[in-house]
Each structure stands twice: as structure tokens, then as C-alpha cells.
Full PDB file with SEQRES, HELIX, SHEET, SSBOND, CRYST1, ORIGX, SCALE, CONECT and MASTER records, all heavy atoms in Angstrom:
SEQRES   1 A   39  VAL GLY ILE LEU LYS THR GLY ARG PRO PRO ARG PRO ALA          
SEQRES   2 A   39  ILE GLU GLN PHE GLY THR TYR PRO GLU MET PHE MET GLU          
SEQRES   3 A   39  LEU LEU GLY ARG ASP ALA TYR ASP TRP ARG VAL PHE ALA          
HELIX    1 AA1 ARG A   11  PHE A   17  1                                   7    
HELIX    2 AA2 TYR A   20  LEU A   28  1                                   9    
SHEET    1 AA1 2 GLY A   2  LEU A   4  0                                        
SHEET    2 AA1 2 ARG A  36  PHE A  38  1                                        
CRYST1    1.000    1.000    1.000  90.00  90.00  90.00 P 1           1          
ORIGX1      1.000000  0.000000  0.000000        0.00000                         
ORIGX2      0.000000  1.000000  0.000000        0.00000                         
ORIGX3      0.000000  0.000000  1.000000        0.00000                         
SCALE1      1.000000  0.000000  0.000000        0.00000                         
SCALE2      0.000000  1.000000  0.000000        0.00000                         
SCALE3      0.000000  0.000000  1.000000        0.00000                         
ATOM      1  N   VAL A   1      -6.164   0.334 -11.007  1.00  0.00           N  
ATOM      2  CA  VAL A   1      -5.901   1.496 -10.125  1.00  0.00           C  
ATOM      3  C   VAL A   1      -4.400   1.500  -9.711  1.00  0.00           C  
ATOM      4  O   VAL A   1      -3.875   0.568  -9.190  1.00  0.00           O  
ATOM      5  CB  VAL A   1      -6.775   1.416  -8.820  1.00  0.00           C  
ATOM      6  CG1 VAL A   1      -6.374   2.599  -7.831  1.00  0.00           C  
ATOM      7  CG2 VAL A   1      -8.208   1.434  -9.111  1.00  0.00           C  
ATOM      8  N   GLY A   2      -3.771   2.619 -10.078  1.00  0.00           N  
ATOM      9  CA  GLY A   2      -2.322   2.835  -9.778  1.00  0.00           C  
ATOM     10  C   GLY A   2      -2.199   3.545  -8.492  1.00  0.00           C  
ATOM     11  O   GLY A   2      -2.900   4.497  -8.142  1.00  0.00           O  
ATOM     12  N   ILE A   3      -1.254   3.125  -7.629  1.00  0.00           N  
ATOM     13  CA  ILE A   3      -0.908   3.840  -6.372  1.00  0.00           C  
ATOM     14  C   ILE A   3       0.464   4.489  -6.624  1.00  0.00           C  
ATOM     15  O   ILE A   3       1.481   3.799  -6.869  1.00  0.00           O  
ATOM     16  CB  ILE A   3      -0.927   2.827  -5.196  1.00  0.00           C  
ATOM     17  CG1 ILE A   3      -2.273   2.198  -5.037  1.00  0.00           C  
ATOM     18  CG2 ILE A   3      -0.470   3.674  -3.913  1.00  0.00           C  
ATOM     19  CD1 ILE A   3      -2.356   1.236  -3.838  1.00  0.00           C  
ATOM     20  N   LEU A   4       0.473   5.762  -6.479  1.00  0.00           N  
ATOM     21  CA  LEU A   4       1.766   6.524  -6.592  1.00  0.00           C  
ATOM     22  C   LEU A   4       2.362   6.613  -5.186  1.00  0.00           C  
ATOM     23  O   LEU A   4       1.851   7.441  -4.386  1.00  0.00           O  
ATOM     24  CB  LEU A   4       1.502   7.878  -7.196  1.00  0.00           C  
ATOM     25  CG  LEU A   4       0.890   7.897  -8.604  1.00  0.00           C  
ATOM     26  CD1 LEU A   4       0.661   9.304  -9.124  1.00  0.00           C  
ATOM     27  CD2 LEU A   4       1.755   7.113  -9.583  1.00  0.00           C  
ATOM     28  N   LYS A   5       3.320   5.750  -4.910  1.00  0.00           N  
ATOM     29  CA  LYS A   5       3.899   5.765  -3.576  1.00  0.00           C  
ATOM     30  C   LYS A   5       4.922   6.949  -3.472  1.00  0.00           C  
ATOM     31  O   LYS A   5       5.763   7.167  -4.258  1.00  0.00           O  
ATOM     32  CB  LYS A   5       4.719   4.462  -3.330  1.00  0.00           C  
ATOM     33  CG  LYS A   5       5.457   4.381  -2.032  1.00  0.00           C  
ATOM     34  CD  LYS A   5       6.284   3.197  -1.931  1.00  0.00           C  
ATOM     35  CE  LYS A   5       7.623   3.323  -2.716  1.00  0.00           C  
ATOM     36  NZ  LYS A   5       8.587   4.255  -2.090  1.00  0.00           N  
ATOM     37  N   THR A   6       4.661   7.772  -2.443  1.00  0.00           N  
ATOM     38  CA  THR A   6       5.472   8.927  -2.272  1.00  0.00           C  
ATOM     39  C   THR A   6       6.221   9.016  -0.903  1.00  0.00           C  
ATOM     40  O   THR A   6       6.833   9.978  -0.567  1.00  0.00           O  
ATOM     41  CB  THR A   6       4.574  10.255  -2.399  1.00  0.00           C  
ATOM     42  OG1 THR A   6       3.641  10.253  -1.273  1.00  0.00           O  
ATOM     43  CG2 THR A   6       3.912  10.332  -3.696  1.00  0.00           C  
ATOM     44  N   GLY A   7       6.155   7.910  -0.128  1.00  0.00           N  
ATOM     45  CA  GLY A   7       6.814   7.833   1.101  1.00  0.00           C  
ATOM     46  C   GLY A   7       6.654   6.457   1.639  1.00  0.00           C  
ATOM     47  O   GLY A   7       6.111   5.533   1.082  1.00  0.00           O  
ATOM     48  N   ARG A   8       7.155   6.263   2.936  1.00  0.00           N  
ATOM     49  CA  ARG A   8       7.063   4.943   3.630  1.00  0.00           C  
ATOM     50  C   ARG A   8       6.869   5.119   5.094  1.00  0.00           C  
ATOM     51  O   ARG A   8       7.282   6.123   5.654  1.00  0.00           O  
ATOM     52  CB  ARG A   8       8.255   4.091   3.369  1.00  0.00           C  
ATOM     53  CG  ARG A   8       9.567   4.617   3.854  1.00  0.00           C  
ATOM     54  CD  ARG A   8      10.681   3.655   3.861  1.00  0.00           C  
ATOM     55  NE  ARG A   8      11.967   4.257   4.359  1.00  0.00           N  
ATOM     56  CZ  ARG A   8      12.260   4.425   5.608  1.00  0.00           C  
ATOM     57  NH1 ARG A   8      11.378   4.042   6.572  1.00  0.00           N  
ATOM     58  NH2 ARG A   8      13.354   4.905   6.004  1.00  0.00           N  
ATOM     59  N   PRO A   9       6.215   4.151   5.773  1.00  0.00           N  
ATOM     60  CA  PRO A   9       6.176   4.206   7.183  1.00  0.00           C  
ATOM     61  C   PRO A   9       7.539   3.993   7.822  1.00  0.00           C  
ATOM     62  O   PRO A   9       8.449   3.638   7.135  1.00  0.00           O  
ATOM     63  CB  PRO A   9       5.303   3.002   7.590  1.00  0.00           C  
ATOM     64  CG  PRO A   9       4.588   2.662   6.278  1.00  0.00           C  
ATOM     65  CD  PRO A   9       5.559   3.041   5.178  1.00  0.00           C  
ATOM     66  N   PRO A  10       7.637   4.313   9.193  1.00  0.00           N  
ATOM     67  CA  PRO A  10       8.938   3.988   9.812  1.00  0.00           C  
ATOM     68  C   PRO A  10       9.208   2.525   9.648  1.00  0.00           C  
ATOM     69  O   PRO A  10       8.314   1.646   9.700  1.00  0.00           O  
ATOM     70  CB  PRO A  10       8.595   4.253  11.301  1.00  0.00           C  
ATOM     71  CG  PRO A  10       7.492   5.284  11.225  1.00  0.00           C  
ATOM     72  CD  PRO A  10       6.731   4.912  10.014  1.00  0.00           C  
ATOM     73  N   ARG A  11      10.476   2.149   9.408  1.00  0.00           N  
ATOM     74  CA  ARG A  11      10.870   0.769   9.011  1.00  0.00           C  
ATOM     75  C   ARG A  11      10.326  -0.246   9.995  1.00  0.00           C  
ATOM     76  O   ARG A  11       9.797  -1.343   9.587  1.00  0.00           O  
ATOM     77  CB  ARG A  11      12.359   0.651   8.836  1.00  0.00           C  
ATOM     78  CG  ARG A  11      12.883   1.411   7.652  1.00  0.00           C  
ATOM     79  CD  ARG A  11      14.250   0.939   7.329  1.00  0.00           C  
ATOM     80  NE  ARG A  11      14.850   1.823   6.256  1.00  0.00           N  
ATOM     81  CZ  ARG A  11      14.627   1.594   4.976  1.00  0.00           C  
ATOM     82  NH1 ARG A  11      13.905   0.559   4.619  1.00  0.00           N  
ATOM     83  NH2 ARG A  11      15.138   2.411   4.052  1.00  0.00           N  
ATOM     84  N   PRO A  12      10.409  -0.014  11.372  1.00  0.00           N  
ATOM     85  CA  PRO A  12       9.904  -1.061  12.268  1.00  0.00           C  
ATOM     86  C   PRO A  12       8.462  -1.341  12.181  1.00  0.00           C  
ATOM     87  O   PRO A  12       7.986  -2.399  12.523  1.00  0.00           O  
ATOM     88  CB  PRO A  12      10.312  -0.449  13.641  1.00  0.00           C  
ATOM     89  CG  PRO A  12      11.368   0.519  13.438  1.00  0.00           C  
ATOM     90  CD  PRO A  12      11.036   1.088  12.033  1.00  0.00           C  
ATOM     91  N   ALA A  13       7.667  -0.394  11.596  1.00  0.00           N  
ATOM     92  CA  ALA A  13       6.204  -0.583  11.490  1.00  0.00           C  
ATOM     93  C   ALA A  13       5.784  -1.369  10.218  1.00  0.00           C  
ATOM     94  O   ALA A  13       4.651  -1.806  10.210  1.00  0.00           O  
ATOM     95  CB  ALA A  13       5.529   0.787  11.560  1.00  0.00           C  
ATOM     96  N   ILE A  14       6.664  -1.425   9.244  1.00  0.00           N  
ATOM     97  CA  ILE A  14       6.267  -1.998   8.005  1.00  0.00           C  
ATOM     98  C   ILE A  14       5.913  -3.465   8.121  1.00  0.00           C  
ATOM     99  O   ILE A  14       4.910  -3.928   7.518  1.00  0.00           O  
ATOM    100  CB  ILE A  14       7.355  -1.751   6.869  1.00  0.00           C  
ATOM    101  CG1 ILE A  14       7.496  -0.324   6.579  1.00  0.00           C  
ATOM    102  CG2 ILE A  14       7.060  -2.575   5.688  1.00  0.00           C  
ATOM    103  CD1 ILE A  14       8.604   0.035   5.620  1.00  0.00           C  
ATOM    104  N   GLU A  15       6.667  -4.199   8.912  1.00  0.00           N  
ATOM    105  CA  GLU A  15       6.390  -5.680   9.100  1.00  0.00           C  
ATOM    106  C   GLU A  15       5.018  -5.920   9.656  1.00  0.00           C  
ATOM    107  O   GLU A  15       4.320  -6.837   9.193  1.00  0.00           O  
ATOM    108  CB  GLU A  15       7.439  -6.261   9.981  1.00  0.00           C  
ATOM    109  CG  GLU A  15       7.327  -7.796  10.068  1.00  0.00           C  
ATOM    110  CD  GLU A  15       8.411  -8.424  10.897  1.00  0.00           C  
ATOM    111  OE1 GLU A  15       9.405  -7.824  11.160  1.00  0.00           O  
ATOM    112  OE2 GLU A  15       8.278  -9.655  11.279  1.00  0.00           O  
ATOM    113  N   GLN A  16       4.598  -5.063  10.548  1.00  0.00           N  
ATOM    114  CA  GLN A  16       3.222  -5.270  11.205  1.00  0.00           C  
ATOM    115  C   GLN A  16       2.114  -4.692  10.400  1.00  0.00           C  
ATOM    116  O   GLN A  16       1.078  -5.272  10.256  1.00  0.00           O  
ATOM    117  CB  GLN A  16       3.233  -4.703  12.637  1.00  0.00           C  
ATOM    118  CG  GLN A  16       1.939  -4.909  13.321  1.00  0.00           C  
ATOM    119  CD  GLN A  16       1.897  -4.349  14.737  1.00  0.00           C  
ATOM    120  OE1 GLN A  16       2.963  -3.841  15.247  1.00  0.00           O  
ATOM    121  NE2 GLN A  16       0.796  -4.439  15.426  1.00  0.00           N  
ATOM    122  N   PHE A  17       2.364  -3.500   9.838  1.00  0.00           N  
ATOM    123  CA  PHE A  17       1.274  -2.745   9.243  1.00  0.00           C  
ATOM    124  C   PHE A  17       1.338  -2.625   7.678  1.00  0.00           C  
ATOM    125  O   PHE A  17       0.369  -2.201   7.121  1.00  0.00           O  
ATOM    126  CB  PHE A  17       1.219  -1.342   9.780  1.00  0.00           C  
ATOM    127  CG  PHE A  17       1.003  -1.313  11.262  1.00  0.00           C  
ATOM    128  CD1 PHE A  17       1.977  -1.005  12.191  1.00  0.00           C  
ATOM    129  CD2 PHE A  17      -0.313  -1.628  11.827  1.00  0.00           C  
ATOM    130  CE1 PHE A  17       1.786  -0.998  13.510  1.00  0.00           C  
ATOM    131  CE2 PHE A  17      -0.507  -1.618  13.191  1.00  0.00           C  
ATOM    132  CZ  PHE A  17       0.486  -1.314  14.075  1.00  0.00           C  
ATOM    133  N   GLY A  18       2.469  -2.973   7.083  1.00  0.00           N  
ATOM    134  CA  GLY A  18       2.628  -2.878   5.678  1.00  0.00           C  
ATOM    135  C   GLY A  18       3.047  -1.509   5.174  1.00  0.00           C  
ATOM    136  O   GLY A  18       3.205  -0.592   5.985  1.00  0.00           O  
ATOM    137  N   THR A  19       3.207  -1.375   3.888  1.00  0.00           N  
ATOM    138  CA  THR A  19       3.582  -0.140   3.250  1.00  0.00           C  
ATOM    139  C   THR A  19       2.352   0.707   3.043  1.00  0.00           C  
ATOM    140  O   THR A  19       1.213   0.183   3.200  1.00  0.00           O  
ATOM    141  CB  THR A  19       4.246  -0.356   1.913  1.00  0.00           C  
ATOM    142  OG1 THR A  19       3.341  -1.048   1.022  1.00  0.00           O  
ATOM    143  CG2 THR A  19       5.482  -1.267   2.083  1.00  0.00           C  
ATOM    144  N   TYR A  20       2.512   1.935   2.643  1.00  0.00           N  
ATOM    145  CA  TYR A  20       1.323   2.776   2.346  1.00  0.00           C  
ATOM    146  C   TYR A  20       0.496   2.236   1.241  1.00  0.00           C  
ATOM    147  O   TYR A  20      -0.769   2.209   1.380  1.00  0.00           O  
ATOM    148  CB  TYR A  20       1.786   4.229   2.075  1.00  0.00           C  
ATOM    149  CG  TYR A  20       2.325   4.952   3.298  1.00  0.00           C  
ATOM    150  CD1 TYR A  20       3.375   5.834   3.150  1.00  0.00           C  
ATOM    151  CD2 TYR A  20       1.790   4.708   4.510  1.00  0.00           C  
ATOM    152  CE1 TYR A  20       3.859   6.547   4.315  1.00  0.00           C  
ATOM    153  CE2 TYR A  20       2.267   5.360   5.663  1.00  0.00           C  
ATOM    154  CZ  TYR A  20       3.325   6.296   5.540  1.00  0.00           C  
ATOM    155  OH  TYR A  20       3.825   6.867   6.631  1.00  0.00           O  
ATOM    156  N   PRO A  21       1.000   1.735   0.108  1.00  0.00           N  
ATOM    157  CA  PRO A  21       0.165   1.121  -0.848  1.00  0.00           C  
ATOM    158  C   PRO A  21      -0.582  -0.082  -0.327  1.00  0.00           C  
ATOM    159  O   PRO A  21      -1.801  -0.265  -0.635  1.00  0.00           O  
ATOM    160  CB  PRO A  21       1.145   0.713  -1.997  1.00  0.00           C  
ATOM    161  CG  PRO A  21       2.282   1.674  -1.873  1.00  0.00           C  
ATOM    162  CD  PRO A  21       2.398   1.916  -0.432  1.00  0.00           C  
ATOM    163  N   GLU A  22       0.013  -0.872   0.539  1.00  0.00           N  
ATOM    164  CA  GLU A  22      -0.653  -2.007   1.118  1.00  0.00           C  
ATOM    165  C   GLU A  22      -1.804  -1.597   2.057  1.00  0.00           C  
ATOM    166  O   GLU A  22      -2.872  -2.216   2.124  1.00  0.00           O  
ATOM    167  CB  GLU A  22       0.342  -2.910   1.919  1.00  0.00           C  
ATOM    168  CG  GLU A  22       1.216  -3.678   0.991  1.00  0.00           C  
ATOM    169  CD  GLU A  22       2.402  -4.355   1.669  1.00  0.00           C  
ATOM    170  OE1 GLU A  22       2.852  -3.868   2.716  1.00  0.00           O  
ATOM    171  OE2 GLU A  22       2.898  -5.394   1.131  1.00  0.00           O  
ATOM    172  N   MET A  23      -1.563  -0.467   2.701  1.00  0.00           N  
ATOM    173  CA  MET A  23      -2.648   0.068   3.635  1.00  0.00           C  
ATOM    174  C   MET A  23      -3.879   0.410   2.814  1.00  0.00           C  
ATOM    175  O   MET A  23      -5.044   0.235   3.172  1.00  0.00           O  
ATOM    176  CB  MET A  23      -2.183   1.271   4.385  1.00  0.00           C  
ATOM    177  CG  MET A  23      -1.151   0.898   5.472  1.00  0.00           C  
ATOM    178  SD  MET A  23      -0.594   2.438   6.395  1.00  0.00           S  
ATOM    179  CE  MET A  23       0.773   1.803   7.274  1.00  0.00           C  
ATOM    180  N   PHE A  24      -3.628   1.106   1.615  1.00  0.00           N  
ATOM    181  CA  PHE A  24      -4.798   1.443   0.726  1.00  0.00           C  
ATOM    182  C   PHE A  24      -5.451   0.207   0.118  1.00  0.00           C  
ATOM    183  O   PHE A  24      -6.707   0.137   0.076  1.00  0.00           O  
ATOM    184  CB  PHE A  24      -4.370   2.327  -0.387  1.00  0.00           C  
ATOM    185  CG  PHE A  24      -4.218   3.819   0.038  1.00  0.00           C  
ATOM    186  CD1 PHE A  24      -2.953   4.354   0.254  1.00  0.00           C  
ATOM    187  CD2 PHE A  24      -5.326   4.546   0.234  1.00  0.00           C  
ATOM    188  CE1 PHE A  24      -2.848   5.733   0.685  1.00  0.00           C  
ATOM    189  CE2 PHE A  24      -5.211   5.891   0.655  1.00  0.00           C  
ATOM    190  CZ  PHE A  24      -3.972   6.468   0.889  1.00  0.00           C  
ATOM    191  N   MET A  25      -4.704  -0.856  -0.218  1.00  0.00           N  
ATOM    192  CA  MET A  25      -5.284  -2.042  -0.686  1.00  0.00           C  
ATOM    193  C   MET A  25      -6.155  -2.733   0.387  1.00  0.00           C  
ATOM    194  O   MET A  25      -7.233  -3.283   0.040  1.00  0.00           O  
ATOM    195  CB  MET A  25      -4.175  -2.975  -1.225  1.00  0.00           C  
ATOM    196  CG  MET A  25      -3.439  -2.511  -2.368  1.00  0.00           C  
ATOM    197  SD  MET A  25      -2.130  -3.755  -2.869  1.00  0.00           S  
ATOM    198  CE  MET A  25      -1.036  -2.691  -3.828  1.00  0.00           C  
ATOM    199  N   GLU A  26      -5.647  -2.703   1.600  1.00  0.00           N  
ATOM    200  CA  GLU A  26      -6.410  -3.300   2.696  1.00  0.00           C  
ATOM    201  C   GLU A  26      -7.708  -2.538   2.929  1.00  0.00           C  
ATOM    202  O   GLU A  26      -8.758  -3.078   3.176  1.00  0.00           O  
ATOM    203  CB  GLU A  26      -5.565  -3.291   3.967  1.00  0.00           C  
ATOM    204  CG  GLU A  26      -6.122  -4.096   5.101  1.00  0.00           C  
ATOM    205  CD  GLU A  26      -6.069  -5.645   4.804  1.00  0.00           C  
ATOM    206  OE1 GLU A  26      -5.173  -6.082   4.001  1.00  0.00           O  
ATOM    207  OE2 GLU A  26      -6.966  -6.311   5.363  1.00  0.00           O  
ATOM    208  N   LEU A  27      -7.663  -1.166   2.935  1.00  0.00           N  
ATOM    209  CA  LEU A  27      -8.825  -0.351   3.058  1.00  0.00           C  
ATOM    210  C   LEU A  27      -9.844  -0.543   2.004  1.00  0.00           C  
ATOM    211  O   LEU A  27     -11.080  -0.695   2.314  1.00  0.00           O  
ATOM    212  CB  LEU A  27      -8.436   1.136   3.210  1.00  0.00           C  
ATOM    213  CG  LEU A  27      -9.579   2.138   3.335  1.00  0.00           C  
ATOM    214  CD1 LEU A  27     -10.288   2.041   4.701  1.00  0.00           C  
ATOM    215  CD2 LEU A  27      -9.059   3.524   3.025  1.00  0.00           C  
ATOM    216  N   LEU A  28      -9.439  -0.577   0.770  1.00  0.00           N  
ATOM    217  CA  LEU A  28     -10.341  -0.535  -0.395  1.00  0.00           C  
ATOM    218  C   LEU A  28     -10.740  -1.962  -0.911  1.00  0.00           C  
ATOM    219  O   LEU A  28     -11.635  -2.089  -1.638  1.00  0.00           O  
ATOM    220  CB  LEU A  28      -9.728   0.306  -1.526  1.00  0.00           C  
ATOM    221  CG  LEU A  28      -9.510   1.732  -1.126  1.00  0.00           C  
ATOM    222  CD1 LEU A  28      -8.900   2.581  -2.261  1.00  0.00           C  
ATOM    223  CD2 LEU A  28     -10.757   2.509  -0.654  1.00  0.00           C  
ATOM    224  N   GLY A  29      -9.912  -2.948  -0.482  1.00  0.00           N  
ATOM    225  CA  GLY A  29     -10.151  -4.260  -0.933  1.00  0.00           C  
ATOM    226  C   GLY A  29      -9.091  -4.828  -1.898  1.00  0.00           C  
ATOM    227  O   GLY A  29      -8.942  -4.268  -2.967  1.00  0.00           O  
ATOM    228  N   ARG A  30      -8.384  -5.828  -1.518  1.00  0.00           N  
ATOM    229  CA  ARG A  30      -7.223  -6.331  -2.325  1.00  0.00           C  
ATOM    230  C   ARG A  30      -7.778  -6.912  -3.573  1.00  0.00           C  
ATOM    231  O   ARG A  30      -6.997  -6.909  -4.592  1.00  0.00           O  
ATOM    232  CB  ARG A  30      -6.395  -7.352  -1.526  1.00  0.00           C  
ATOM    233  CG  ARG A  30      -5.609  -6.743  -0.356  1.00  0.00           C  
ATOM    234  CD  ARG A  30      -4.708  -7.687   0.309  1.00  0.00           C  
ATOM    235  NE  ARG A  30      -3.931  -7.047   1.379  1.00  0.00           N  
ATOM    236  CZ  ARG A  30      -2.758  -6.455   1.133  1.00  0.00           C  
ATOM    237  NH1 ARG A  30      -2.211  -6.435  -0.135  1.00  0.00           N  
ATOM    238  NH2 ARG A  30      -2.086  -5.876   2.068  1.00  0.00           N  
ATOM    239  N   ASP A  31      -9.000  -7.397  -3.619  1.00  0.00           N  
ATOM    240  CA  ASP A  31      -9.565  -7.954  -4.823  1.00  0.00           C  
ATOM    241  C   ASP A  31     -10.468  -7.046  -5.563  1.00  0.00           C  
ATOM    242  O   ASP A  31     -11.060  -7.408  -6.536  1.00  0.00           O  
ATOM    243  CB  ASP A  31     -10.254  -9.296  -4.471  1.00  0.00           C  
ATOM    244  CG  ASP A  31      -9.335 -10.333  -3.839  1.00  0.00           C  
ATOM    245  OD1 ASP A  31      -8.173 -10.368  -4.266  1.00  0.00           O  
ATOM    246  OD2 ASP A  31      -9.866 -11.092  -2.965  1.00  0.00           O  
ATOM    247  N   ALA A  32     -10.569  -5.797  -5.125  1.00  0.00           N  
ATOM    248  CA  ALA A  32     -11.541  -4.877  -5.630  1.00  0.00           C  
ATOM    249  C   ALA A  32     -11.027  -4.359  -6.998  1.00  0.00           C  
ATOM    250  O   ALA A  32     -11.893  -4.040  -7.859  1.00  0.00           O  
ATOM    251  CB  ALA A  32     -11.791  -3.715  -4.764  1.00  0.00           C  
ATOM    252  N   TYR A  33      -9.725  -4.235  -7.170  1.00  0.00           N  
ATOM    253  CA  TYR A  33      -9.181  -3.615  -8.363  1.00  0.00           C  
ATOM    254  C   TYR A  33      -7.952  -4.379  -8.814  1.00  0.00           C  
ATOM    255  O   TYR A  33      -7.345  -5.220  -8.098  1.00  0.00           O  
ATOM    256  CB  TYR A  33      -8.841  -2.177  -8.069  1.00  0.00           C  
ATOM    257  CG  TYR A  33      -9.935  -1.326  -7.590  1.00  0.00           C  
ATOM    258  CD1 TYR A  33      -9.984  -0.918  -6.220  1.00  0.00           C  
ATOM    259  CD2 TYR A  33     -10.987  -0.995  -8.371  1.00  0.00           C  
ATOM    260  CE1 TYR A  33     -10.971  -0.192  -5.734  1.00  0.00           C  
ATOM    261  CE2 TYR A  33     -12.090  -0.239  -7.944  1.00  0.00           C  
ATOM    262  CZ  TYR A  33     -12.116   0.191  -6.611  1.00  0.00           C  
ATOM    263  OH  TYR A  33     -13.105   0.859  -6.118  1.00  0.00           O  
ATOM    264  N   ASP A  34      -7.527  -4.086 -10.067  1.00  0.00           N  
ATOM    265  CA  ASP A  34      -6.244  -4.486 -10.551  1.00  0.00           C  
ATOM    266  C   ASP A  34      -5.210  -3.462 -10.119  1.00  0.00           C  
ATOM    267  O   ASP A  34      -5.051  -2.467 -10.744  1.00  0.00           O  
ATOM    268  CB  ASP A  34      -6.326  -4.616 -12.094  1.00  0.00           C  
ATOM    269  CG  ASP A  34      -5.031  -5.080 -12.774  1.00  0.00           C  
ATOM    270  OD1 ASP A  34      -4.085  -5.398 -11.973  1.00  0.00           O  
ATOM    271  OD2 ASP A  34      -4.960  -5.148 -13.914  1.00  0.00           O  
ATOM    272  N   TRP A  35      -4.582  -3.738  -9.000  1.00  0.00           N  
ATOM    273  CA  TRP A  35      -3.671  -2.781  -8.406  1.00  0.00           C  
ATOM    274  C   TRP A  35      -2.314  -2.761  -9.111  1.00  0.00           C  
ATOM    275  O   TRP A  35      -1.724  -3.730  -9.468  1.00  0.00           O  
ATOM    276  CB  TRP A  35      -3.459  -3.158  -6.985  1.00  0.00           C  
ATOM    277  CG  TRP A  35      -4.651  -3.006  -6.111  1.00  0.00           C  
ATOM    278  CD1 TRP A  35      -5.409  -4.033  -5.553  1.00  0.00           C  
ATOM    279  CD2 TRP A  35      -5.203  -1.827  -5.571  1.00  0.00           C  
ATOM    280  NE1 TRP A  35      -6.401  -3.550  -4.778  1.00  0.00           N  
ATOM    281  CE2 TRP A  35      -6.355  -2.191  -4.797  1.00  0.00           C  
ATOM    282  CE3 TRP A  35      -4.952  -0.469  -5.715  1.00  0.00           C  
ATOM    283  CZ2 TRP A  35      -7.162  -1.200  -4.085  1.00  0.00           C  
ATOM    284  CZ3 TRP A  35      -5.753   0.492  -5.119  1.00  0.00           C  
ATOM    285  CH2 TRP A  35      -6.857   0.071  -4.258  1.00  0.00           C  
ATOM    286  N   ARG A  36      -1.826  -1.530  -9.302  1.00  0.00           N  
ATOM    287  CA  ARG A  36      -0.462  -1.284  -9.842  1.00  0.00           C  
ATOM    288  C   ARG A  36       0.234  -0.330  -8.865  1.00  0.00           C  
ATOM    289  O   ARG A  36      -0.391   0.777  -8.557  1.00  0.00           O  
ATOM    290  CB  ARG A  36      -0.475  -0.740 -11.186  1.00  0.00           C  
ATOM    291  CG  ARG A  36      -1.328  -1.529 -12.222  1.00  0.00           C  
ATOM    292  CD  ARG A  36      -0.796  -2.898 -12.569  1.00  0.00           C  
ATOM    293  NE  ARG A  36      -1.694  -3.694 -13.316  1.00  0.00           N  
ATOM    294  CZ  ARG A  36      -1.706  -3.791 -14.646  1.00  0.00           C  
ATOM    295  NH1 ARG A  36      -0.841  -3.016 -15.377  1.00  0.00           N  
ATOM    296  NH2 ARG A  36      -2.552  -4.616 -15.268  1.00  0.00           N  
ATOM    297  N   VAL A  37       1.385  -0.592  -8.488  1.00  0.00           N  
ATOM    298  CA  VAL A  37       2.190   0.313  -7.567  1.00  0.00           C  
ATOM    299  C   VAL A  37       3.336   0.949  -8.298  1.00  0.00           C  
ATOM    300  O   VAL A  37       4.136   0.269  -8.897  1.00  0.00           O  
ATOM    301  CB  VAL A  37       2.591  -0.377  -6.312  1.00  0.00           C  
ATOM    302  CG1 VAL A  37       3.441   0.516  -5.450  1.00  0.00           C  
ATOM    303  CG2 VAL A  37       1.468  -0.956  -5.533  1.00  0.00           C  
ATOM    304  N   PHE A  38       3.481   2.297  -8.235  1.00  0.00           N  
ATOM    305  CA  PHE A  38       4.576   2.975  -8.859  1.00  0.00           C  
ATOM    306  C   PHE A  38       5.319   3.787  -7.763  1.00  0.00           C  
ATOM    307  O   PHE A  38       4.634   4.564  -6.994  1.00  0.00           O  
ATOM    308  CB  PHE A  38       4.071   3.929  -9.913  1.00  0.00           C  
ATOM    309  CG  PHE A  38       3.274   3.274 -11.029  1.00  0.00           C  
ATOM    310  CD1 PHE A  38       1.924   3.161 -10.919  1.00  0.00           C  
ATOM    311  CD2 PHE A  38       3.934   2.683 -12.046  1.00  0.00           C  
ATOM    312  CE1 PHE A  38       1.150   2.506 -11.887  1.00  0.00           C  
ATOM    313  CE2 PHE A  38       3.199   2.082 -13.129  1.00  0.00           C  
ATOM    314  CZ  PHE A  38       1.813   1.919 -13.013  1.00  0.00           C  
ATOM    315  N   ALA A  39       6.593   3.594  -7.671  1.00  0.00           N  
ATOM    316  CA  ALA A  39       7.401   4.352  -6.610  1.00  0.00           C  
ATOM    317  C   ALA A  39       7.715   5.703  -7.166  1.00  0.00           C  
ATOM    318  O   ALA A  39       8.810   5.950  -7.692  1.00  0.00           O  
ATOM    319  CB  ALA A  39       8.659   3.534  -6.326  1.00  0.00           C  
TER     320      ALA A  39                                                      
MASTER        0    0    0    2    2    0    0    6  319    1    0    3          
END                                                                             
């Protein structure tokens, strides 16, 4: 499963909550798929 990253959270929030691709991995399961991220 490829994640097409098209933006980012506010910089101060990234350390606590992660990037948008990381949010999707967390929601759907980090071990559920072979994740690929494309900027």
C-alpha cells in the first residue's frame, strides 16, 4: 500500500502525533500492509 503524501501537520505537532502517512499507518495497522510512502 502506497501513501501519497500531499501535505504535513504543523511542525510542532509532528513530534507528538507523527506525519500524515504515520497517522494512516497507526489507524490501519503498521503491520497490516507493506507500506510505501511517496512525497
